[in-house]
C-alpha atoms as a PDB file:
ATOM      1  CA  UNK A   1     -14.596  13.871  28.295  1.00  0.00           C
ATOM      2  CA  UNK A   2     -10.994  14.860  28.475  1.00  0.00           C
ATOM      3  CA  UNK A   3      -8.581  14.712  25.609  1.00  0.00           C
ATOM      4  CA  UNK A   4      -6.587  11.960  27.316  1.00  0.00           C
ATOM      5  CA  UNK A   5      -9.695   9.842  27.769  1.00  0.00           C
ATOM      6  CA  UNK A   6     -10.609  10.271  24.123  1.00  0.00           C
ATOM      7  CA  UNK A   7      -7.074   9.425  23.058  1.00  0.00           C
ATOM      8  CA  UNK A   8      -7.084   6.324  25.240  1.00  0.00           C
ATOM      9  CA  UNK A   9     -10.473   5.273  23.802  1.00  0.00           C
ATOM     10  CA  UNK A  10      -9.168   5.805  20.268  1.00  0.00           C
ATOM     11  CA  UNK A  11      -6.069   3.680  20.997  1.00  0.00           C
ATOM     12  CA  UNK A  12      -8.269   0.898  22.371  1.00  0.00           C
ATOM     13  CA  UNK A  13     -10.551   1.105  19.330  1.00  0.00           C
ATOM     14  CA  UNK A  14      -7.492   1.024  17.079  1.00  0.00           C
ATOM     15  CA  UNK A  15      -6.166  -2.088  18.860  1.00  0.00           C
ATOM     16  CA  UNK A  16      -9.557  -3.779  18.532  1.00  0.00           C
ATOM     17  CA  UNK A  17      -9.679  -2.910  14.832  1.00  0.00           C
ATOM     18  CA  UNK A  18      -6.149  -4.230  14.317  1.00  0.00           C
ATOM     19  CA  UNK A  19      -7.051  -7.483  16.081  1.00  0.00           C
ATOM     20  CA  UNK A  20     -10.198  -7.793  13.966  1.00  0.00           C
ATOM     21  CA  UNK A  21      -8.153  -7.029  10.843  1.00  0.00           C
ATOM     22  CA  UNK A  22      -5.654  -9.776  11.759  1.00  0.00           C
ATOM     23  CA  UNK A  23      -8.523 -12.224  12.352  1.00  0.00           C
ATOM     24  CA  UNK A  24     -10.052 -11.352   8.988  1.00  0.00           C
ATOM     25  CA  UNK A  25      -6.664 -11.675   7.280  1.00  0.00           C
ATOM     26  CA  UNK A  26      -6.285 -15.190   8.730  1.00  0.00           C
ATOM     27  CA  UNK A  27      -9.824 -16.071   7.647  1.00  0.00           C
ATOM     28  CA  UNK A  28      -9.107 -14.778   4.162  1.00  0.00           C
ATOM     29  CA  UNK A  29      -5.919 -16.859   3.970  1.00  0.00           C
ATOM     30  CA  UNK A  30      -7.888 -19.964   4.989  1.00  0.00           C
ATOM     31  CA  UNK A  31     -10.587 -19.267   2.405  1.00  0.00           C
ATOM     32  CA  UNK A  32      -7.973 -18.683  -0.295  1.00  0.00           C
ATOM     33  CA  UNK A  33      -6.279 -21.963   0.624  1.00  0.00           C
ATOM     34  CA  UNK A  34      -9.610 -23.816   0.404  1.00  0.00           C
ATOM     35  CA  UNK A  35     -10.272 -22.125  -2.935  1.00  0.00           C
ATOM     36  CA  UNK A  36      -6.878 -23.252  -4.242  1.00  0.00           C
ATOM     37  CA  UNK A  37      -7.611 -26.815  -3.127  1.00  0.00           C
ATOM     38  CA  UNK A  38     -10.963 -26.732  -4.915  1.00  0.00           C
ATOM     39  CA  UNK A  39      -9.340 -25.317  -8.039  1.00  0.00           C
ATOM     40  CA  UNK A  40      -6.682 -28.036  -7.919  1.00  0.00           C
ATOM     41  CA  UNK A  41      -9.435 -30.637  -7.615  1.00  0.00           C
ATOM     42  CA  UNK A  42     -11.221 -29.169 -10.618  1.00  0.00           C
ATOM     43  CA  UNK A  43      -8.004 -29.087 -12.639  1.00  0.00           C
ATOM     44  CA  UNK A  44      -7.256 -32.670 -11.625  1.00  0.00           C
ATOM     45  CA  UNK A  45     -10.751 -33.755 -12.630  1.00  0.00           C
ATOM     46  CA  UNK A  46     -10.392 -32.035 -16.020  1.00  0.00           C
ATOM     47  CA  UNK A  47      -7.028 -33.694 -16.582  1.00  0.00           C
ATOM     48  CA  UNK A  48      -8.428 -37.105 -15.691  1.00  0.00           C
ATOM     49  CA  UNK A  49     -11.293 -36.540 -18.133  1.00  0.00           C
ATOM     50  CA  UNK A  50      -8.798 -35.534 -20.824  1.00  0.00           C
ATOM     51  CA  UNK A  51      -6.686 -38.635 -20.131  1.00  0.00           C
ATOM     52  CA  UNK A  52      -9.786 -40.812 -20.451  1.00  0.00           C
ATOM     53  CA  UNK A  53     -10.725 -39.126 -23.739  1.00  0.00           C
ATOM     54  CA  UNK A  54      -7.199 -39.596 -25.090  1.00  0.00           C
ATOM     55  CA  UNK A  55      -7.130 -43.252 -24.035  1.00  0.00           C
ATOM     56  CA  UNK A  56     -10.437 -43.834 -25.841  1.00  0.00           C
ATOM     57  CA  UNK A  57      -9.164 -42.047 -28.947  1.00  0.00           C
ATOM     58  CA  UNK A  58      -5.938 -44.068 -28.810  1.00  0.00           C
ATOM     59  CA  UNK A  59      -7.918 -47.322 -28.596  1.00  0.00           C
ATOM     60  CA  UNK A  60     -10.073 -46.297 -31.577  1.00  0.00           C
ATOM     61  CA  UNK A  61      -6.992 -45.405 -33.614  1.00  0.00           C
ATOM     62  CA  UNK A  62      -5.373 -48.754 -32.774  1.00  0.00           C
ATOM     63  CA  UNK A  63      -8.507 -50.570 -33.920  1.00  0.00           C
ATOM     64  CA  UNK A  64      -8.581 -48.538 -37.136  1.00  0.00           C
ATOM     65  CA  UNK A  65      -4.909 -49.323 -37.706  1.00  0.00           C
ATOM     66  CA  UNK A  66      -5.494 -53.045 -37.209  1.00  0.00           C
ATOM     67  CA  UNK A  67      -8.462 -52.968 -39.576  1.00  0.00           C
ATOM     68  CA  UNK A  68      -6.518 -50.953 -42.148  1.00  0.00           C
ATOM     69  CA  UNK A  69      -3.496 -53.251 -41.783  1.00  0.00           C
ATOM     70  CA  UNK A  70      -5.602 -56.321 -42.456  1.00  0.00           C
ATOM     71  CA  UNK A  71      -7.249 -54.800 -45.512  1.00  0.00           C
ATOM     72  CA  UNK A  72      -3.945 -53.572 -46.979  1.00  0.00           C
ATOM     73  CA  UNK A  73      -2.338 -57.049 -47.036  1.00  0.00           C
ATOM     74  CA  UNK A  74      -1.590 -57.941 -50.657  1.00  0.00           C
ATOM     75  CA  UNK A  75      -2.907 -61.160 -52.148  1.00  0.00           C
ATOM     76  CA  UNK A  76       0.380 -63.044 -52.306  1.00  0.00           C
ATOM     77  CA  UNK A  77      -1.119 -66.114 -53.946  1.00  0.00           C
ATOM     78  CA  UNK A  78      -2.514 -64.050 -56.816  1.00  0.00           C
ATOM     79  CA  UNK A  79       0.857 -62.363 -57.233  1.00  0.00           C
ATOM     80  CA  UNK A  80       2.561 -65.791 -57.235  1.00  0.00           C
ATOM     81  CA  UNK A  81       0.170 -67.113 -59.881  1.00  0.00           C
ATOM     82  CA  UNK A  82       0.684 -64.074 -62.131  1.00  0.00           C
ATOM     83  CA  UNK A  83       4.472 -64.300 -61.751  1.00  0.00           C
ATOM     84  CA  UNK A  84       4.539 -68.036 -62.514  1.00  0.00           C
ATOM     85  CA  UNK A  85       2.265 -67.417 -65.493  1.00  0.00           C
ATOM     86  CA  UNK A  86       4.667 -64.798 -66.844  1.00  0.00           C
ATOM     87  CA  UNK A  87       7.559 -67.230 -66.385  1.00  0.00           C
ATOM     88  CA  UNK A  88       5.432 -69.964 -67.965  1.00  0.00           C
ATOM     89  CA  UNK A  89       6.129 -72.414 -65.158  1.00  0.00           C
ATOM     90  CA  UNK A  90       3.878 -74.199 -62.668  1.00  0.00           C
ATOM     91  CA  UNK A  91       3.545 -74.223 -58.886  1.00  0.00           C
ATOM     92  CA  UNK A  92       5.551 -77.432 -58.588  1.00  0.00           C
ATOM     93  CA  UNK A  93       8.535 -75.991 -60.461  1.00  0.00           C
ATOM     94  CA  UNK A  94      11.647 -74.785 -58.669  1.00  0.00           C
ATOM     95  CA  UNK A  95      10.570 -71.172 -59.226  1.00  0.00           C
ATOM     96  CA  UNK A  96       7.079 -71.921 -57.874  1.00  0.00           C
ATOM     97  CA  UNK A  97       8.507 -73.568 -54.766  1.00  0.00           C
ATOM     98  CA  UNK A  98      10.930 -70.669 -54.271  1.00  0.00           C
ATOM     99  CA  UNK A  99       8.110 -68.136 -54.520  1.00  0.00           C
ATOM    100  CA  UNK A 100       6.009 -70.182 -52.061  1.00  0.00           C
ATOM    101  CA  UNK A 101       8.928 -70.244 -49.605  1.00  0.00           C
ATOM    102  CA  UNK A 102       9.369 -66.491 -50.030  1.00  0.00           C
ATOM    103  CA  UNK A 103       5.654 -65.847 -49.400  1.00  0.00           C
ATOM    104  CA  UNK A 104       5.759 -68.086 -46.338  1.00  0.00           C
ATOM    105  CA  UNK A 105       8.641 -66.019 -44.912  1.00  0.00           C
ATOM    106  CA  UNK A 106       6.878 -62.741 -45.626  1.00  0.00           C
ATOM    107  CA  UNK A 107       3.664 -63.897 -43.965  1.00  0.00           C
ATOM    108  CA  UNK A 108       5.582 -65.275 -40.977  1.00  0.00           C
ATOM    109  CA  UNK A 109       6.884 -61.806 -40.067  1.00  0.00           C
END
């Protein structure tokens, strides 16, 4: 085989290898794109799970706050009775009626 024939065969082999390399590079790009899509899906799924967890935690905290708020309410009637007792007046007195009106306003809010 002559040198020219070998050189021509080498050039053809090189062209074939370059074409195959380009094909593989395109395939790799496609696979990487699919991988990125799958990763994005996984990240999205994790974020949705985290959102669900946070919503559940938020709901629990709201319920705890409502329960705590109800149990923290002072006993206004007992306070009224002690105050009227200290003033030595009854519920029907002007002071008693004023305290009742005040309590009514507080409880209204």
